[in-house]
Amino acid sequence: MANAADFRRIALGLDGTTEGPHFDRRSFRVKRVYATLAVDGKSANVMLTPDEQEFKCLTAPDAFAPVPGAWGRKGWTAVILGNLNADELASVLRMAHTHALVRPKRKT
């Protein structure tokens, strides 16, 4: 079962990732935020495409769920860390990291 230490180790091992505060969570970013870790270390949110999110939620509903509201409709997905192993967590973090590298930043 994965935990917060696994999450941090894997995320910070992805090229160019930095960690910082993000409201009441810790953010992991490369060009833009691609994942956040809850304070309790039991869950995280990751940036997936809506299709990837749908697939993850269908195949592992105990581990993945859309973030409520508009963010979830954009692909942001809640992850229960204890319901994944480290390899599964690494796979989803790599997916999110890739999206942060290729998606253009929003204009403000």
PDB file of N, CA and C in Angstrom:
ATOM      1  N   MET A   1       0.836  -1.179   0.000  1.00  0.00           N
ATOM      2  CA  MET A   1       0.000   0.000   0.000  1.00  0.00           C
ATOM      3  C   MET A   1       0.886   1.249   0.000  1.00  0.00           C
ATOM      4  N   ALA A   2       0.532   2.203  -0.847  1.00  0.00           N
ATOM      5  CA  ALA A   2       1.286   3.452  -0.945  1.00  0.00           C
ATOM      6  C   ALA A   2       0.928   4.384   0.209  1.00  0.00           C
ATOM      7  N   ASN A   3       1.836   5.303   0.503  1.00  0.00           N
ATOM      8  CA  ASN A   3       1.596   6.281   1.557  1.00  0.00           C
ATOM      9  C   ASN A   3       2.161   7.636   1.127  1.00  0.00           C
ATOM     10  N   ALA A   4       2.083   8.613   2.008  1.00  0.00           N
ATOM     11  CA  ALA A   4       2.532   9.971   1.691  1.00  0.00           C
ATOM     12  C   ALA A   4       4.023  10.013   1.370  1.00  0.00           C
ATOM     13  N   ALA A   5       4.823   9.229   2.079  1.00  0.00           N
ATOM     14  CA  ALA A   5       6.265   9.206   1.804  1.00  0.00           C
ATOM     15  C   ALA A   5       6.534   8.693   0.394  1.00  0.00           C
ATOM     16  N   ASP A   6       5.793   7.663  -0.026  1.00  0.00           N
ATOM     17  CA  ASP A   6       5.928   7.152  -1.392  1.00  0.00           C
ATOM     18  C   ASP A   6       5.539   8.236  -2.397  1.00  0.00           C
ATOM     19  N   PHE A   7       4.428   8.913  -2.120  1.00  0.00           N
ATOM     20  CA  PHE A   7       3.944   9.963  -3.011  1.00  0.00           C
ATOM     21  C   PHE A   7       5.018  11.033  -3.205  1.00  0.00           C
ATOM     22  N   ARG A   8       5.552  11.553  -2.117  1.00  0.00           N
ATOM     23  CA  ARG A   8       6.582  12.599  -2.191  1.00  0.00           C
ATOM     24  C   ARG A   8       7.816  12.102  -2.915  1.00  0.00           C
ATOM     25  N   ARG A   9       8.292  10.913  -2.594  1.00  0.00           N
ATOM     26  CA  ARG A   9       9.498  10.361  -3.212  1.00  0.00           C
ATOM     27  C   ARG A   9       9.315  10.220  -4.718  1.00  0.00           C
ATOM     28  N   ILE A  10       8.179   9.657  -5.126  1.00  0.00           N
ATOM     29  CA  ILE A  10       7.923   9.442  -6.550  1.00  0.00           C
ATOM     30  C   ILE A  10       7.761  10.780  -7.272  1.00  0.00           C
ATOM     31  N   ALA A  11       6.946  11.656  -6.728  1.00  0.00           N
ATOM     32  CA  ALA A  11       6.694  12.945  -7.382  1.00  0.00           C
ATOM     33  C   ALA A  11       7.980  13.753  -7.509  1.00  0.00           C
ATOM     34  N   LEU A  12       8.752  13.850  -6.437  1.00  0.00           N
ATOM     35  CA  LEU A  12       9.977  14.642  -6.486  1.00  0.00           C
ATOM     36  C   LEU A  12      11.060  13.989  -7.348  1.00  0.00           C
ATOM     37  N   GLY A  13      10.896  12.719  -7.660  1.00  0.00           N
ATOM     38  CA  GLY A  13      11.814  12.029  -8.558  1.00  0.00           C
ATOM     39  C   GLY A  13      11.510  12.275 -10.028  1.00  0.00           C
ATOM     40  N   LEU A  14      10.366  12.882 -10.321  1.00  0.00           N
ATOM     41  CA  LEU A  14      10.003  13.188 -11.704  1.00  0.00           C
ATOM     42  C   LEU A  14      10.679  14.491 -12.115  1.00  0.00           C
ATOM     43  N   ASP A  15      11.244  14.499 -13.287  1.00  0.00           N
ATOM     44  CA  ASP A  15      12.087  15.586 -13.772  1.00  0.00           C
ATOM     45  C   ASP A  15      11.466  16.970 -13.596  1.00  0.00           C
ATOM     46  N   GLY A  16      12.178  17.833 -12.889  1.00  0.00           N
ATOM     47  CA  GLY A  16      11.782  19.224 -12.738  1.00  0.00           C
ATOM     48  C   GLY A  16      10.731  19.505 -11.690  1.00  0.00           C
ATOM     49  N   THR A  17      10.268  18.504 -10.982  1.00  0.00           N
ATOM     50  CA  THR A  17       9.204  18.702  -9.994  1.00  0.00           C
ATOM     51  C   THR A  17       9.713  19.451  -8.773  1.00  0.00           C
ATOM     52  N   THR A  18       8.903  20.415  -8.338  1.00  0.00           N
ATOM     53  CA  THR A  18       9.157  21.120  -7.089  1.00  0.00           C
ATOM     54  C   THR A  18       7.933  20.972  -6.193  1.00  0.00           C
ATOM     55  N   GLU A  19       8.155  21.115  -4.903  1.00  0.00           N
ATOM     56  CA  GLU A  19       7.073  21.012  -3.921  1.00  0.00           C
ATOM     57  C   GLU A  19       6.868  22.361  -3.253  1.00  0.00           C
ATOM     58  N   GLY A  20       5.607  22.703  -2.997  1.00  0.00           N
ATOM     59  CA  GLY A  20       5.313  23.951  -2.316  1.00  0.00           C
ATOM     60  C   GLY A  20       3.927  23.924  -1.716  1.00  0.00           C
ATOM     61  N   PRO A  21       3.566  24.977  -0.992  1.00  0.00           N
ATOM     62  CA  PRO A  21       2.230  25.043  -0.399  1.00  0.00           C
ATOM     63  C   PRO A  21       1.170  25.316  -1.458  1.00  0.00           C
ATOM     64  N   HIS A  22      -0.008  24.822  -1.215  1.00  0.00           N
ATOM     65  CA  HIS A  22      -1.149  25.057  -2.110  1.00  0.00           C
ATOM     66  C   HIS A  22      -2.409  24.999  -1.252  1.00  0.00           C
ATOM     67  N   PHE A  23      -2.861  26.144  -0.770  1.00  0.00           N
ATOM     68  CA  PHE A  23      -3.973  26.228   0.169  1.00  0.00           C
ATOM     69  C   PHE A  23      -3.665  25.349   1.372  1.00  0.00           C
ATOM     70  N   ASP A  24      -4.485  24.356   1.678  1.00  0.00           N
ATOM     71  CA  ASP A  24      -4.236  23.509   2.844  1.00  0.00           C
ATOM     72  C   ASP A  24      -3.536  22.204   2.458  1.00  0.00           C
ATOM     73  N   ARG A  25      -2.915  22.165   1.303  1.00  0.00           N
ATOM     74  CA  ARG A  25      -2.274  20.950   0.795  1.00  0.00           C
ATOM     75  C   ARG A  25      -0.839  21.265   0.390  1.00  0.00           C
ATOM     76  N   ARG A  26      -0.102  20.251  -0.002  1.00  0.00           N
ATOM     77  CA  ARG A  26       1.221  20.404  -0.604  1.00  0.00           C
ATOM     78  C   ARG A  26       1.053  20.193  -2.101  1.00  0.00           C
ATOM     79  N   SER A  27       1.665  21.058  -2.914  1.00  0.00           N
ATOM     80  CA  SER A  27       1.549  20.918  -4.364  1.00  0.00           C
ATOM     81  C   SER A  27       2.851  20.407  -4.947  1.00  0.00           C
ATOM     82  N   PHE A  28       2.710  19.736  -6.062  1.00  0.00           N
ATOM     83  CA  PHE A  28       3.843  19.226  -6.821  1.00  0.00           C
ATOM     84  C   PHE A  28       3.647  19.740  -8.237  1.00  0.00           C
ATOM     85  N   ARG A  29       4.668  20.438  -8.749  1.00  0.00           N
ATOM     86  CA  ARG A  29       4.495  21.136 -10.022  1.00  0.00           C
ATOM     87  C   ARG A  29       5.735  21.032 -10.888  1.00  0.00           C
ATOM     88  N   VAL A  30       5.490  21.099 -12.170  1.00  0.00           N
ATOM     89  CA  VAL A  30       6.508  21.280 -13.189  1.00  0.00           C
ATOM     90  C   VAL A  30       5.796  22.095 -14.265  1.00  0.00           C
ATOM     91  N   LYS A  31       6.144  23.335 -14.410  1.00  0.00           N
ATOM     92  CA  LYS A  31       5.422  24.311 -15.230  1.00  0.00           C
ATOM     93  C   LYS A  31       4.089  24.683 -14.588  1.00  0.00           C
ATOM     94  N   ARG A  32       3.333  23.707 -14.122  1.00  0.00           N
ATOM     95  CA  ARG A  32       2.058  23.954 -13.433  1.00  0.00           C
ATOM     96  C   ARG A  32       1.811  22.819 -12.444  1.00  0.00           C
ATOM     97  N   VAL A  33       0.875  23.014 -11.547  1.00  0.00           N
ATOM     98  CA  VAL A  33       0.554  21.984 -10.544  1.00  0.00           C
ATOM     99  C   VAL A  33      -0.027  20.764 -11.250  1.00  0.00           C
ATOM    100  N   TYR A  34       0.508  19.595 -10.916  1.00  0.00           N
ATOM    101  CA  TYR A  34      -0.052  18.363 -11.458  1.00  0.00           C
ATOM    102  C   TYR A  34      -0.550  17.414 -10.370  1.00  0.00           C
ATOM    103  N   ALA A  35      -0.224  17.718  -9.117  1.00  0.00           N
ATOM    104  CA  ALA A  35      -0.689  16.861  -8.024  1.00  0.00           C
ATOM    105  C   ALA A  35      -0.638  17.644  -6.722  1.00  0.00           C
ATOM    106  N   THR A  36      -1.552  17.299  -5.815  1.00  0.00           N
ATOM    107  CA  THR A  36      -1.526  17.863  -4.469  1.00  0.00           C
ATOM    108  C   THR A  36      -1.707  16.733  -3.467  1.00  0.00           C
ATOM    109  N   LEU A  37      -1.101  16.909  -2.306  1.00  0.00           N
ATOM    110  CA  LEU A  37      -1.153  15.905  -1.243  1.00  0.00           C
ATOM    111  C   LEU A  37      -1.886  16.497  -0.049  1.00  0.00           C
ATOM    112  N   ALA A  38      -2.861  15.765   0.469  1.00  0.00           N
ATOM    113  CA  ALA A  38      -3.621  16.213   1.636  1.00  0.00           C
ATOM    114  C   ALA A  38      -2.732  16.250   2.872  1.00  0.00           C
ATOM    115  N   VAL A  39      -3.087  17.105   3.813  1.00  0.00           N
ATOM    116  CA  VAL A  39      -2.326  17.270   5.045  1.00  0.00           C
ATOM    117  C   VAL A  39      -2.217  15.950   5.808  1.00  0.00           C
ATOM    118  N   ASP A  40      -3.278  15.165   5.825  1.00  0.00           N
ATOM    119  CA  ASP A  40      -3.250  13.898   6.566  1.00  0.00           C
ATOM    120  C   ASP A  40      -2.423  12.821   5.869  1.00  0.00           C
ATOM    121  N   GLY A  41      -1.997  13.067   4.622  1.00  0.00           N
ATOM    122  CA  GLY A  41      -1.159  12.122   3.896  1.00  0.00           C
ATOM    123  C   GLY A  41      -1.866  10.881   3.401  1.00  0.00           C
ATOM    124  N   LYS A  42      -3.177  10.844   3.512  1.00  0.00           N
ATOM    125  CA  LYS A  42      -3.914   9.651   3.102  1.00  0.00           C
ATOM    126  C   LYS A  42      -4.483   9.745   1.697  1.00  0.00           C
ATOM    127  N   SER A  43      -4.609  10.969   1.184  1.00  0.00           N
ATOM    128  CA  SER A  43      -5.171  11.138  -0.153  1.00  0.00           C
ATOM    129  C   SER A  43      -4.417  12.220  -0.901  1.00  0.00           C
ATOM    130  N   ALA A  44      -4.637  12.231  -2.206  1.00  0.00           N
ATOM    131  CA  ALA A  44      -4.004  13.210  -3.080  1.00  0.00           C
ATOM    132  C   ALA A  44      -4.959  13.500  -4.227  1.00  0.00           C
ATOM    133  N   ASN A  45      -4.683  14.568  -4.946  1.00  0.00           N
ATOM    134  CA  ASN A  45      -5.407  14.873  -6.177  1.00  0.00           C
ATOM    135  C   ASN A  45      -4.387  14.925  -7.299  1.00  0.00           C
ATOM    136  N   VAL A  46      -4.740  14.369  -8.456  1.00  0.00           N
ATOM    137  CA  VAL A  46      -3.846  14.374  -9.603  1.00  0.00           C
ATOM    138  C   VAL A  46      -4.580  14.868 -10.842  1.00  0.00           C
ATOM    139  N   MET A  47      -3.840  15.477 -11.757  1.00  0.00           N
ATOM    140  CA  MET A  47      -4.396  16.017 -12.987  1.00  0.00           C
ATOM    141  C   MET A  47      -4.327  14.948 -14.084  1.00  0.00           C
ATOM    142  N   LEU A  48      -5.494  14.441 -14.468  1.00  0.00           N
ATOM    143  CA  LEU A  48      -5.602  13.486 -15.563  1.00  0.00           C
ATOM    144  C   LEU A  48      -6.488  14.091 -16.647  1.00  0.00           C
ATOM    145  N   THR A  49      -6.547  13.445 -17.791  1.00  0.00           N
ATOM    146  CA  THR A  49      -7.542  13.856 -18.773  1.00  0.00           C
ATOM    147  C   THR A  49      -8.881  13.275 -18.322  1.00  0.00           C
ATOM    148  N   PRO A  50      -9.990  13.846 -18.773  1.00  0.00           N
ATOM    149  CA  PRO A  50     -11.288  13.254 -18.403  1.00  0.00           C
ATOM    150  C   PRO A  50     -11.401  11.778 -18.794  1.00  0.00           C
ATOM    151  N   ASP A  51     -10.849  11.383 -19.936  1.00  0.00           N
ATOM    152  CA  ASP A  51     -10.901   9.969 -20.346  1.00  0.00           C
ATOM    153  C   ASP A  51     -10.084   9.084 -19.415  1.00  0.00           C
ATOM    154  N   GLU A  52      -8.891   9.542 -19.040  1.00  0.00           N
ATOM    155  CA  GLU A  52      -8.063   8.779 -18.101  1.00  0.00           C
ATOM    156  C   GLU A  52      -8.764   8.663 -16.754  1.00  0.00           C
ATOM    157  N   GLN A  53      -9.353   9.766 -16.318  1.00  0.00           N
ATOM    158  CA  GLN A  53     -10.084   9.769 -15.050  1.00  0.00           C
ATOM    159  C   GLN A  53     -11.214   8.744 -15.077  1.00  0.00           C
ATOM    160  N   GLU A  54     -11.994   8.757 -16.140  1.00  0.00           N
ATOM    161  CA  GLU A  54     -13.110   7.820 -16.251  1.00  0.00           C
ATOM    162  C   GLU A  54     -12.619   6.376 -16.186  1.00  0.00           C
ATOM    163  N   PHE A  55     -11.544   6.078 -16.896  1.00  0.00           N
ATOM    164  CA  PHE A  55     -10.988   4.725 -16.892  1.00  0.00           C
ATOM    165  C   PHE A  55     -10.516   4.326 -15.492  1.00  0.00           C
ATOM    166  N   LYS A  56      -9.759   5.205 -14.844  1.00  0.00           N
ATOM    167  CA  LYS A  56      -9.261   4.893 -13.495  1.00  0.00           C
ATOM    168  C   LYS A  56     -10.415   4.676 -12.514  1.00  0.00           C
ATOM    169  N   CYS A  57     -11.422   5.521 -12.596  1.00  0.00           N
ATOM    170  CA  CYS A  57     -12.562   5.408 -11.677  1.00  0.00           C
ATOM    171  C   CYS A  57     -13.376   4.141 -11.926  1.00  0.00           C
ATOM    172  N   LEU A  58     -13.460   3.710 -13.175  1.00  0.00           N
ATOM    173  CA  LEU A  58     -14.189   2.476 -13.497  1.00  0.00           C
ATOM    174  C   LEU A  58     -13.415   1.235 -13.077  1.00  0.00           C
ATOM    175  N   THR A  59     -12.093   1.251 -13.265  1.00  0.00           N
ATOM    176  CA  THR A  59     -11.298   0.055 -12.995  1.00  0.00           C
ATOM    177  C   THR A  59     -10.849  -0.070 -11.540  1.00  0.00           C
ATOM    178  N   ALA A  60     -10.789   1.058 -10.825  1.00  0.00           N
ATOM    179  CA  ALA A  60     -10.359   1.015  -9.423  1.00  0.00           C
ATOM    180  C   ALA A  60     -11.138   2.049  -8.605  1.00  0.00           C
ATOM    181  N   PRO A  61     -12.462   1.840  -8.458  1.00  0.00           N
ATOM    182  CA  PRO A  61     -13.287   2.831  -7.754  1.00  0.00           C
ATOM    183  C   PRO A  61     -12.938   2.985  -6.274  1.00  0.00           C
ATOM    184  N   ASP A  62     -12.242   2.029  -5.704  1.00  0.00           N
ATOM    185  CA  ASP A  62     -11.818   2.151  -4.306  1.00  0.00           C
ATOM    186  C   ASP A  62     -10.606   3.072  -4.158  1.00  0.00           C
ATOM    187  N   ALA A  63      -9.936   3.374  -5.276  1.00  0.00           N
ATOM    188  CA  ALA A  63      -8.733   4.195  -5.239  1.00  0.00           C
ATOM    189  C   ALA A  63      -8.900   5.555  -5.909  1.00  0.00           C
ATOM    190  N   PHE A  64      -9.831   5.674  -6.858  1.00  0.00           N
ATOM    191  CA  PHE A  64      -9.969   6.904  -7.647  1.00  0.00           C
ATOM    192  C   PHE A  64     -11.407   7.399  -7.662  1.00  0.00           C
ATOM    193  N   ALA A  65     -11.559   8.734  -7.636  1.00  0.00           N
ATOM    194  CA  ALA A  65     -12.873   9.368  -7.765  1.00  0.00           C
ATOM    195  C   ALA A  65     -12.658  10.770  -8.321  1.00  0.00           C
ATOM    196  N   PRO A  66     -13.590  11.272  -9.125  1.00  0.00           N
ATOM    197  CA  PRO A  66     -13.460  12.657  -9.589  1.00  0.00           C
ATOM    198  C   PRO A  66     -13.510  13.621  -8.407  1.00  0.00           C
ATOM    199  N   VAL A  67     -12.694  14.655  -8.462  1.00  0.00           N
ATOM    200  CA  VAL A  67     -12.797  15.730  -7.484  1.00  0.00           C
ATOM    201  C   VAL A  67     -14.170  16.371  -7.704  1.00  0.00           C
ATOM    202  N   PRO A  68     -14.906  16.695  -6.666  1.00  0.00           N
ATOM    203  CA  PRO A  68     -16.231  17.293  -6.855  1.00  0.00           C
ATOM    204  C   PRO A  68     -16.180  18.616  -7.637  1.00  0.00           C
ATOM    205  N   GLY A  69     -17.217  18.862  -8.414  1.00  0.00           N
ATOM    206  CA  GLY A  69     -17.381  20.141  -9.096  1.00  0.00           C
ATOM    207  C   GLY A  69     -16.628  20.265 -10.400  1.00  0.00           C
ATOM    208  N   ALA A  70     -16.383  21.511 -10.773  1.00  0.00           N
ATOM    209  CA  ALA A  70     -15.778  21.818 -12.070  1.00  0.00           C
ATOM    210  C   ALA A  70     -14.372  21.258 -12.214  1.00  0.00           C
ATOM    211  N   TRP A  71     -13.598  21.263 -11.129  1.00  0.00           N
ATOM    212  CA  TRP A  71     -12.240  20.717 -11.222  1.00  0.00           C
ATOM    213  C   TRP A  71     -12.284  19.246 -11.615  1.00  0.00           C
ATOM    214  N   GLY A  72     -13.198  18.501 -11.059  1.00  0.00           N
ATOM    215  CA  GLY A  72     -13.324  17.082 -11.407  1.00  0.00           C
ATOM    216  C   GLY A  72     -13.738  16.882 -12.849  1.00  0.00           C
ATOM    217  N   ARG A  73     -14.598  17.744 -13.361  1.00  0.00           N
ATOM    218  CA  ARG A  73     -15.007  17.634 -14.764  1.00  0.00           C
ATOM    219  C   ARG A  73     -13.845  17.917 -15.715  1.00  0.00           C
ATOM    220  N   LYS A  74     -12.833  18.633 -15.227  1.00  0.00           N
ATOM    221  CA  LYS A  74     -11.638  18.915 -16.035  1.00  0.00           C
ATOM    222  C   LYS A  74     -10.610  17.791 -15.950  1.00  0.00           C
ATOM    223  N   GLY A  75     -10.863  16.800 -15.102  1.00  0.00           N
ATOM    224  CA  GLY A  75      -9.956  15.663 -14.992  1.00  0.00           C
ATOM    225  C   GLY A  75      -9.251  15.518 -13.659  1.00  0.00           C
ATOM    226  N   TRP A  76      -9.390  16.504 -12.774  1.00  0.00           N
ATOM    227  CA  TRP A  76      -8.752  16.374 -11.467  1.00  0.00           C
ATOM    228  C   TRP A  76      -9.393  15.213 -10.717  1.00  0.00           C
ATOM    229  N   THR A  77      -8.540  14.330 -10.230  1.00  0.00           N
ATOM    230  CA  THR A  77      -8.974  13.052  -9.683  1.00  0.00           C
ATOM    231  C   THR A  77      -8.417  12.844  -8.284  1.00  0.00           C
ATOM    232  N   ALA A  78      -9.296  12.489  -7.352  1.00  0.00           N
ATOM    233  CA  ALA A  78      -8.882  12.173  -5.986  1.00  0.00           C
ATOM    234  C   ALA A  78      -8.352  10.746  -5.943  1.00  0.00           C
ATOM    235  N   VAL A  79      -7.290  10.559  -5.181  1.00  0.00           N
ATOM    236  CA  VAL A  79      -6.633   9.253  -5.065  1.00  0.00           C
ATOM    237  C   VAL A  79      -6.529   8.891  -3.588  1.00  0.00           C
ATOM    238  N   ILE A  80      -6.985   7.694  -3.239  1.00  0.00           N
ATOM    239  CA  ILE A  80      -6.788   7.162  -1.885  1.00  0.00           C
ATOM    240  C   ILE A  80      -5.486   6.370  -1.921  1.00  0.00           C
ATOM    241  N   LEU A  81      -4.435   6.909  -1.311  1.00  0.00           N
ATOM    242  CA  LEU A  81      -3.103   6.325  -1.439  1.00  0.00           C
ATOM    243  C   LEU A  81      -3.034   4.889  -0.937  1.00  0.00           C
ATOM    244  N   GLY A  82      -3.683   4.596   0.175  1.00  0.00           N
ATOM    245  CA  GLY A  82      -3.615   3.264   0.759  1.00  0.00           C
ATOM    246  C   GLY A  82      -4.258   2.172  -0.082  1.00  0.00           C
ATOM    247  N   ASN A  83      -4.990   2.559  -1.122  1.00  0.00           N
ATOM    248  CA  ASN A  83      -5.624   1.570  -2.002  1.00  0.00           C
ATOM    249  C   ASN A  83      -4.838   1.332  -3.288  1.00  0.00           C
ATOM    250  N   LEU A  84      -3.627   1.862  -3.342  1.00  0.00           N
ATOM    251  CA  LEU A  84      -2.726   1.642  -4.476  1.00  0.00           C
ATOM    252  C   LEU A  84      -1.405   1.090  -3.959  1.00  0.00           C
ATOM    253  N   ASN A  85      -0.699   0.373  -4.814  1.00  0.00           N
ATOM    254  CA  ASN A  85       0.676   0.032  -4.469  1.00  0.00           C
ATOM    255  C   ASN A  85       1.583   1.106  -5.075  1.00  0.00           C
ATOM    256  N   ALA A  86       2.853   1.076  -4.729  1.00  0.00           N
ATOM    257  CA  ALA A  86       3.777   2.122  -5.168  1.00  0.00           C
ATOM    258  C   ALA A  86       3.899   2.177  -6.692  1.00  0.00           C
ATOM    259  N   ASP A  87       3.860   1.030  -7.369  1.00  0.00           N
ATOM    260  CA  ASP A  87       3.953   1.022  -8.837  1.00  0.00           C
ATOM    261  C   ASP A  87       2.733   1.679  -9.470  1.00  0.00           C
ATOM    262  N   GLU A  88       1.542   1.411  -8.936  1.00  0.00           N
ATOM    263  CA  GLU A  88       0.320   2.034  -9.458  1.00  0.00           C
ATOM    264  C   GLU A  88       0.354   3.550  -9.229  1.00  0.00           C
ATOM    265  N   LEU A  89       0.822   3.951  -8.057  1.00  0.00           N
ATOM    266  CA  LEU A  89       0.936   5.373  -7.757  1.00  0.00           C
ATOM    267  C   LEU A  89       1.935   6.038  -8.699  1.00  0.00           C
ATOM    268  N   ALA A  90       3.071   5.399  -8.927  1.00  0.00           N
ATOM    269  CA  ALA A  90       4.084   5.956  -9.830  1.00  0.00           C
ATOM    270  C   ALA A  90       3.515   6.139 -11.231  1.00  0.00           C
ATOM    271  N   SER A  91       2.724   5.188 -11.679  1.00  0.00           N
ATOM    272  CA  SER A  91       2.133   5.272 -13.016  1.00  0.00           C
ATOM    273  C   SER A  91       1.213   6.481 -13.141  1.00  0.00           C
ATOM    274  N   VAL A  92       0.344   6.678 -12.171  1.00  0.00           N
ATOM    275  CA  VAL A  92      -0.601   7.798 -12.251  1.00  0.00           C
ATOM    276  C   VAL A  92       0.120   9.131 -12.068  1.00  0.00           C
ATOM    277  N   LEU A  93       1.150   9.190 -11.251  1.00  0.00           N
ATOM    278  CA  LEU A  93       1.911  10.427 -11.106  1.00  0.00           C
ATOM    279  C   LEU A  93       2.671  10.761 -12.389  1.00  0.00           C
ATOM    280  N   ARG A  94       3.211   9.754 -13.067  1.00  0.00           N
ATOM    281  CA  ARG A  94       3.878  10.008 -14.357  1.00  0.00           C
ATOM    282  C   ARG A  94       2.893  10.554 -15.382  1.00  0.00           C
ATOM    283  N   MET A  95       1.675  10.024 -15.402  1.00  0.00           N
ATOM    284  CA  MET A  95       0.647  10.524 -16.318  1.00  0.00           C
ATOM    285  C   MET A  95       0.377  12.002 -16.040  1.00  0.00           C
ATOM    286  N   ALA A  96       0.152  12.341 -14.776  1.00  0.00           N
ATOM    287  CA  ALA A  96      -0.157  13.712 -14.399  1.00  0.00           C
ATOM    288  C   ALA A  96       1.024  14.642 -14.706  1.00  0.00           C
ATOM    289  N   HIS A  97       2.226  14.193 -14.420  1.00  0.00           N
ATOM    290  CA  HIS A  97       3.442  14.966 -14.691  1.00  0.00           C
ATOM    291  C   HIS A  97       3.546  15.276 -16.182  1.00  0.00           C
ATOM    292  N   THR A  98       3.283  14.303 -17.019  1.00  0.00           N
ATOM    293  CA  THR A  98       3.334  14.499 -18.469  1.00  0.00           C
ATOM    294  C   THR A  98       2.336  15.557 -18.905  1.00  0.00           C
ATOM    295  N   HIS A  99       1.137  15.522 -18.350  1.00  0.00           N
ATOM    296  CA  HIS A  99       0.123  16.525 -18.706  1.00  0.00           C
ATOM    297  C   HIS A  99       0.589  17.933 -18.331  1.00  0.00           C
ATOM    298  N   ALA A 100       1.239  18.069 -17.195  1.00  0.00           N
ATOM    299  CA  ALA A 100       1.708  19.384 -16.768  1.00  0.00           C
ATOM    300  C   ALA A 100       2.793  19.914 -17.705  1.00  0.00           C
ATOM    301  N   LEU A 101       3.551  19.023 -18.301  1.00  0.00           N
ATOM    302  CA  LEU A 101       4.599  19.441 -19.229  1.00  0.00           C
ATOM    303  C   LEU A 101       4.039  19.879 -20.578  1.00  0.00           C
ATOM    304  N   VAL A 102       2.967  19.226 -21.029  1.00  0.00           N
ATOM    305  CA  VAL A 102       2.478  19.489 -22.395  1.00  0.00           C
ATOM    306  C   VAL A 102       1.281  20.427 -22.460  1.00  0.00           C
ATOM    307  N   ARG A 103       0.510  20.545 -21.392  1.00  0.00           N
ATOM    308  CA  ARG A 103      -0.639  21.445 -21.414  1.00  0.00           C
ATOM    309  C   ARG A 103      -0.162  22.878 -21.276  1.00  0.00           C
ATOM    310  N   PRO A 104      -0.639  23.771 -22.131  1.00  0.00           N
ATOM    311  CA  PRO A 104      -0.235  25.167 -21.978  1.00  0.00           C
ATOM    312  C   PRO A 104      -0.804  25.762 -20.706  1.00  0.00           C
ATOM    313  N   LYS A 105      -0.049  26.694 -20.146  1.00  0.00           N
ATOM    314  CA  LYS A 105      -0.540  27.402 -18.962  1.00  0.00           C
ATOM    315  C   LYS A 105      -1.718  28.269 -19.347  1.00  0.00           C
ATOM    316  N   ARG A 106      -2.677  28.397 -18.431  1.00  0.00           N
ATOM    317  CA  ARG A 106      -3.811  29.295 -18.675  1.00  0.00           C
ATOM    318  C   ARG A 106      -3.328  30.733 -18.674  1.00  0.00           C
ATOM    319  N   LYS A 107      -3.937  31.544 -19.489  1.00  0.00           N
ATOM    320  CA  LYS A 107      -3.627  32.973 -19.504  1.00  0.00           C
ATOM    321  C   LYS A 107      -4.430  33.641 -18.402  1.00  0.00           C
ATOM    322  N   THR A 108      -3.809  34.559 -17.696  1.00  0.00           N
ATOM    323  CA  THR A 108      -4.497  35.259 -16.616  1.00  0.00           C
ATOM    324  C   THR A 108      -4.984  36.612 -17.043  1.00  0.00           C
TER     325      THR A 108
END
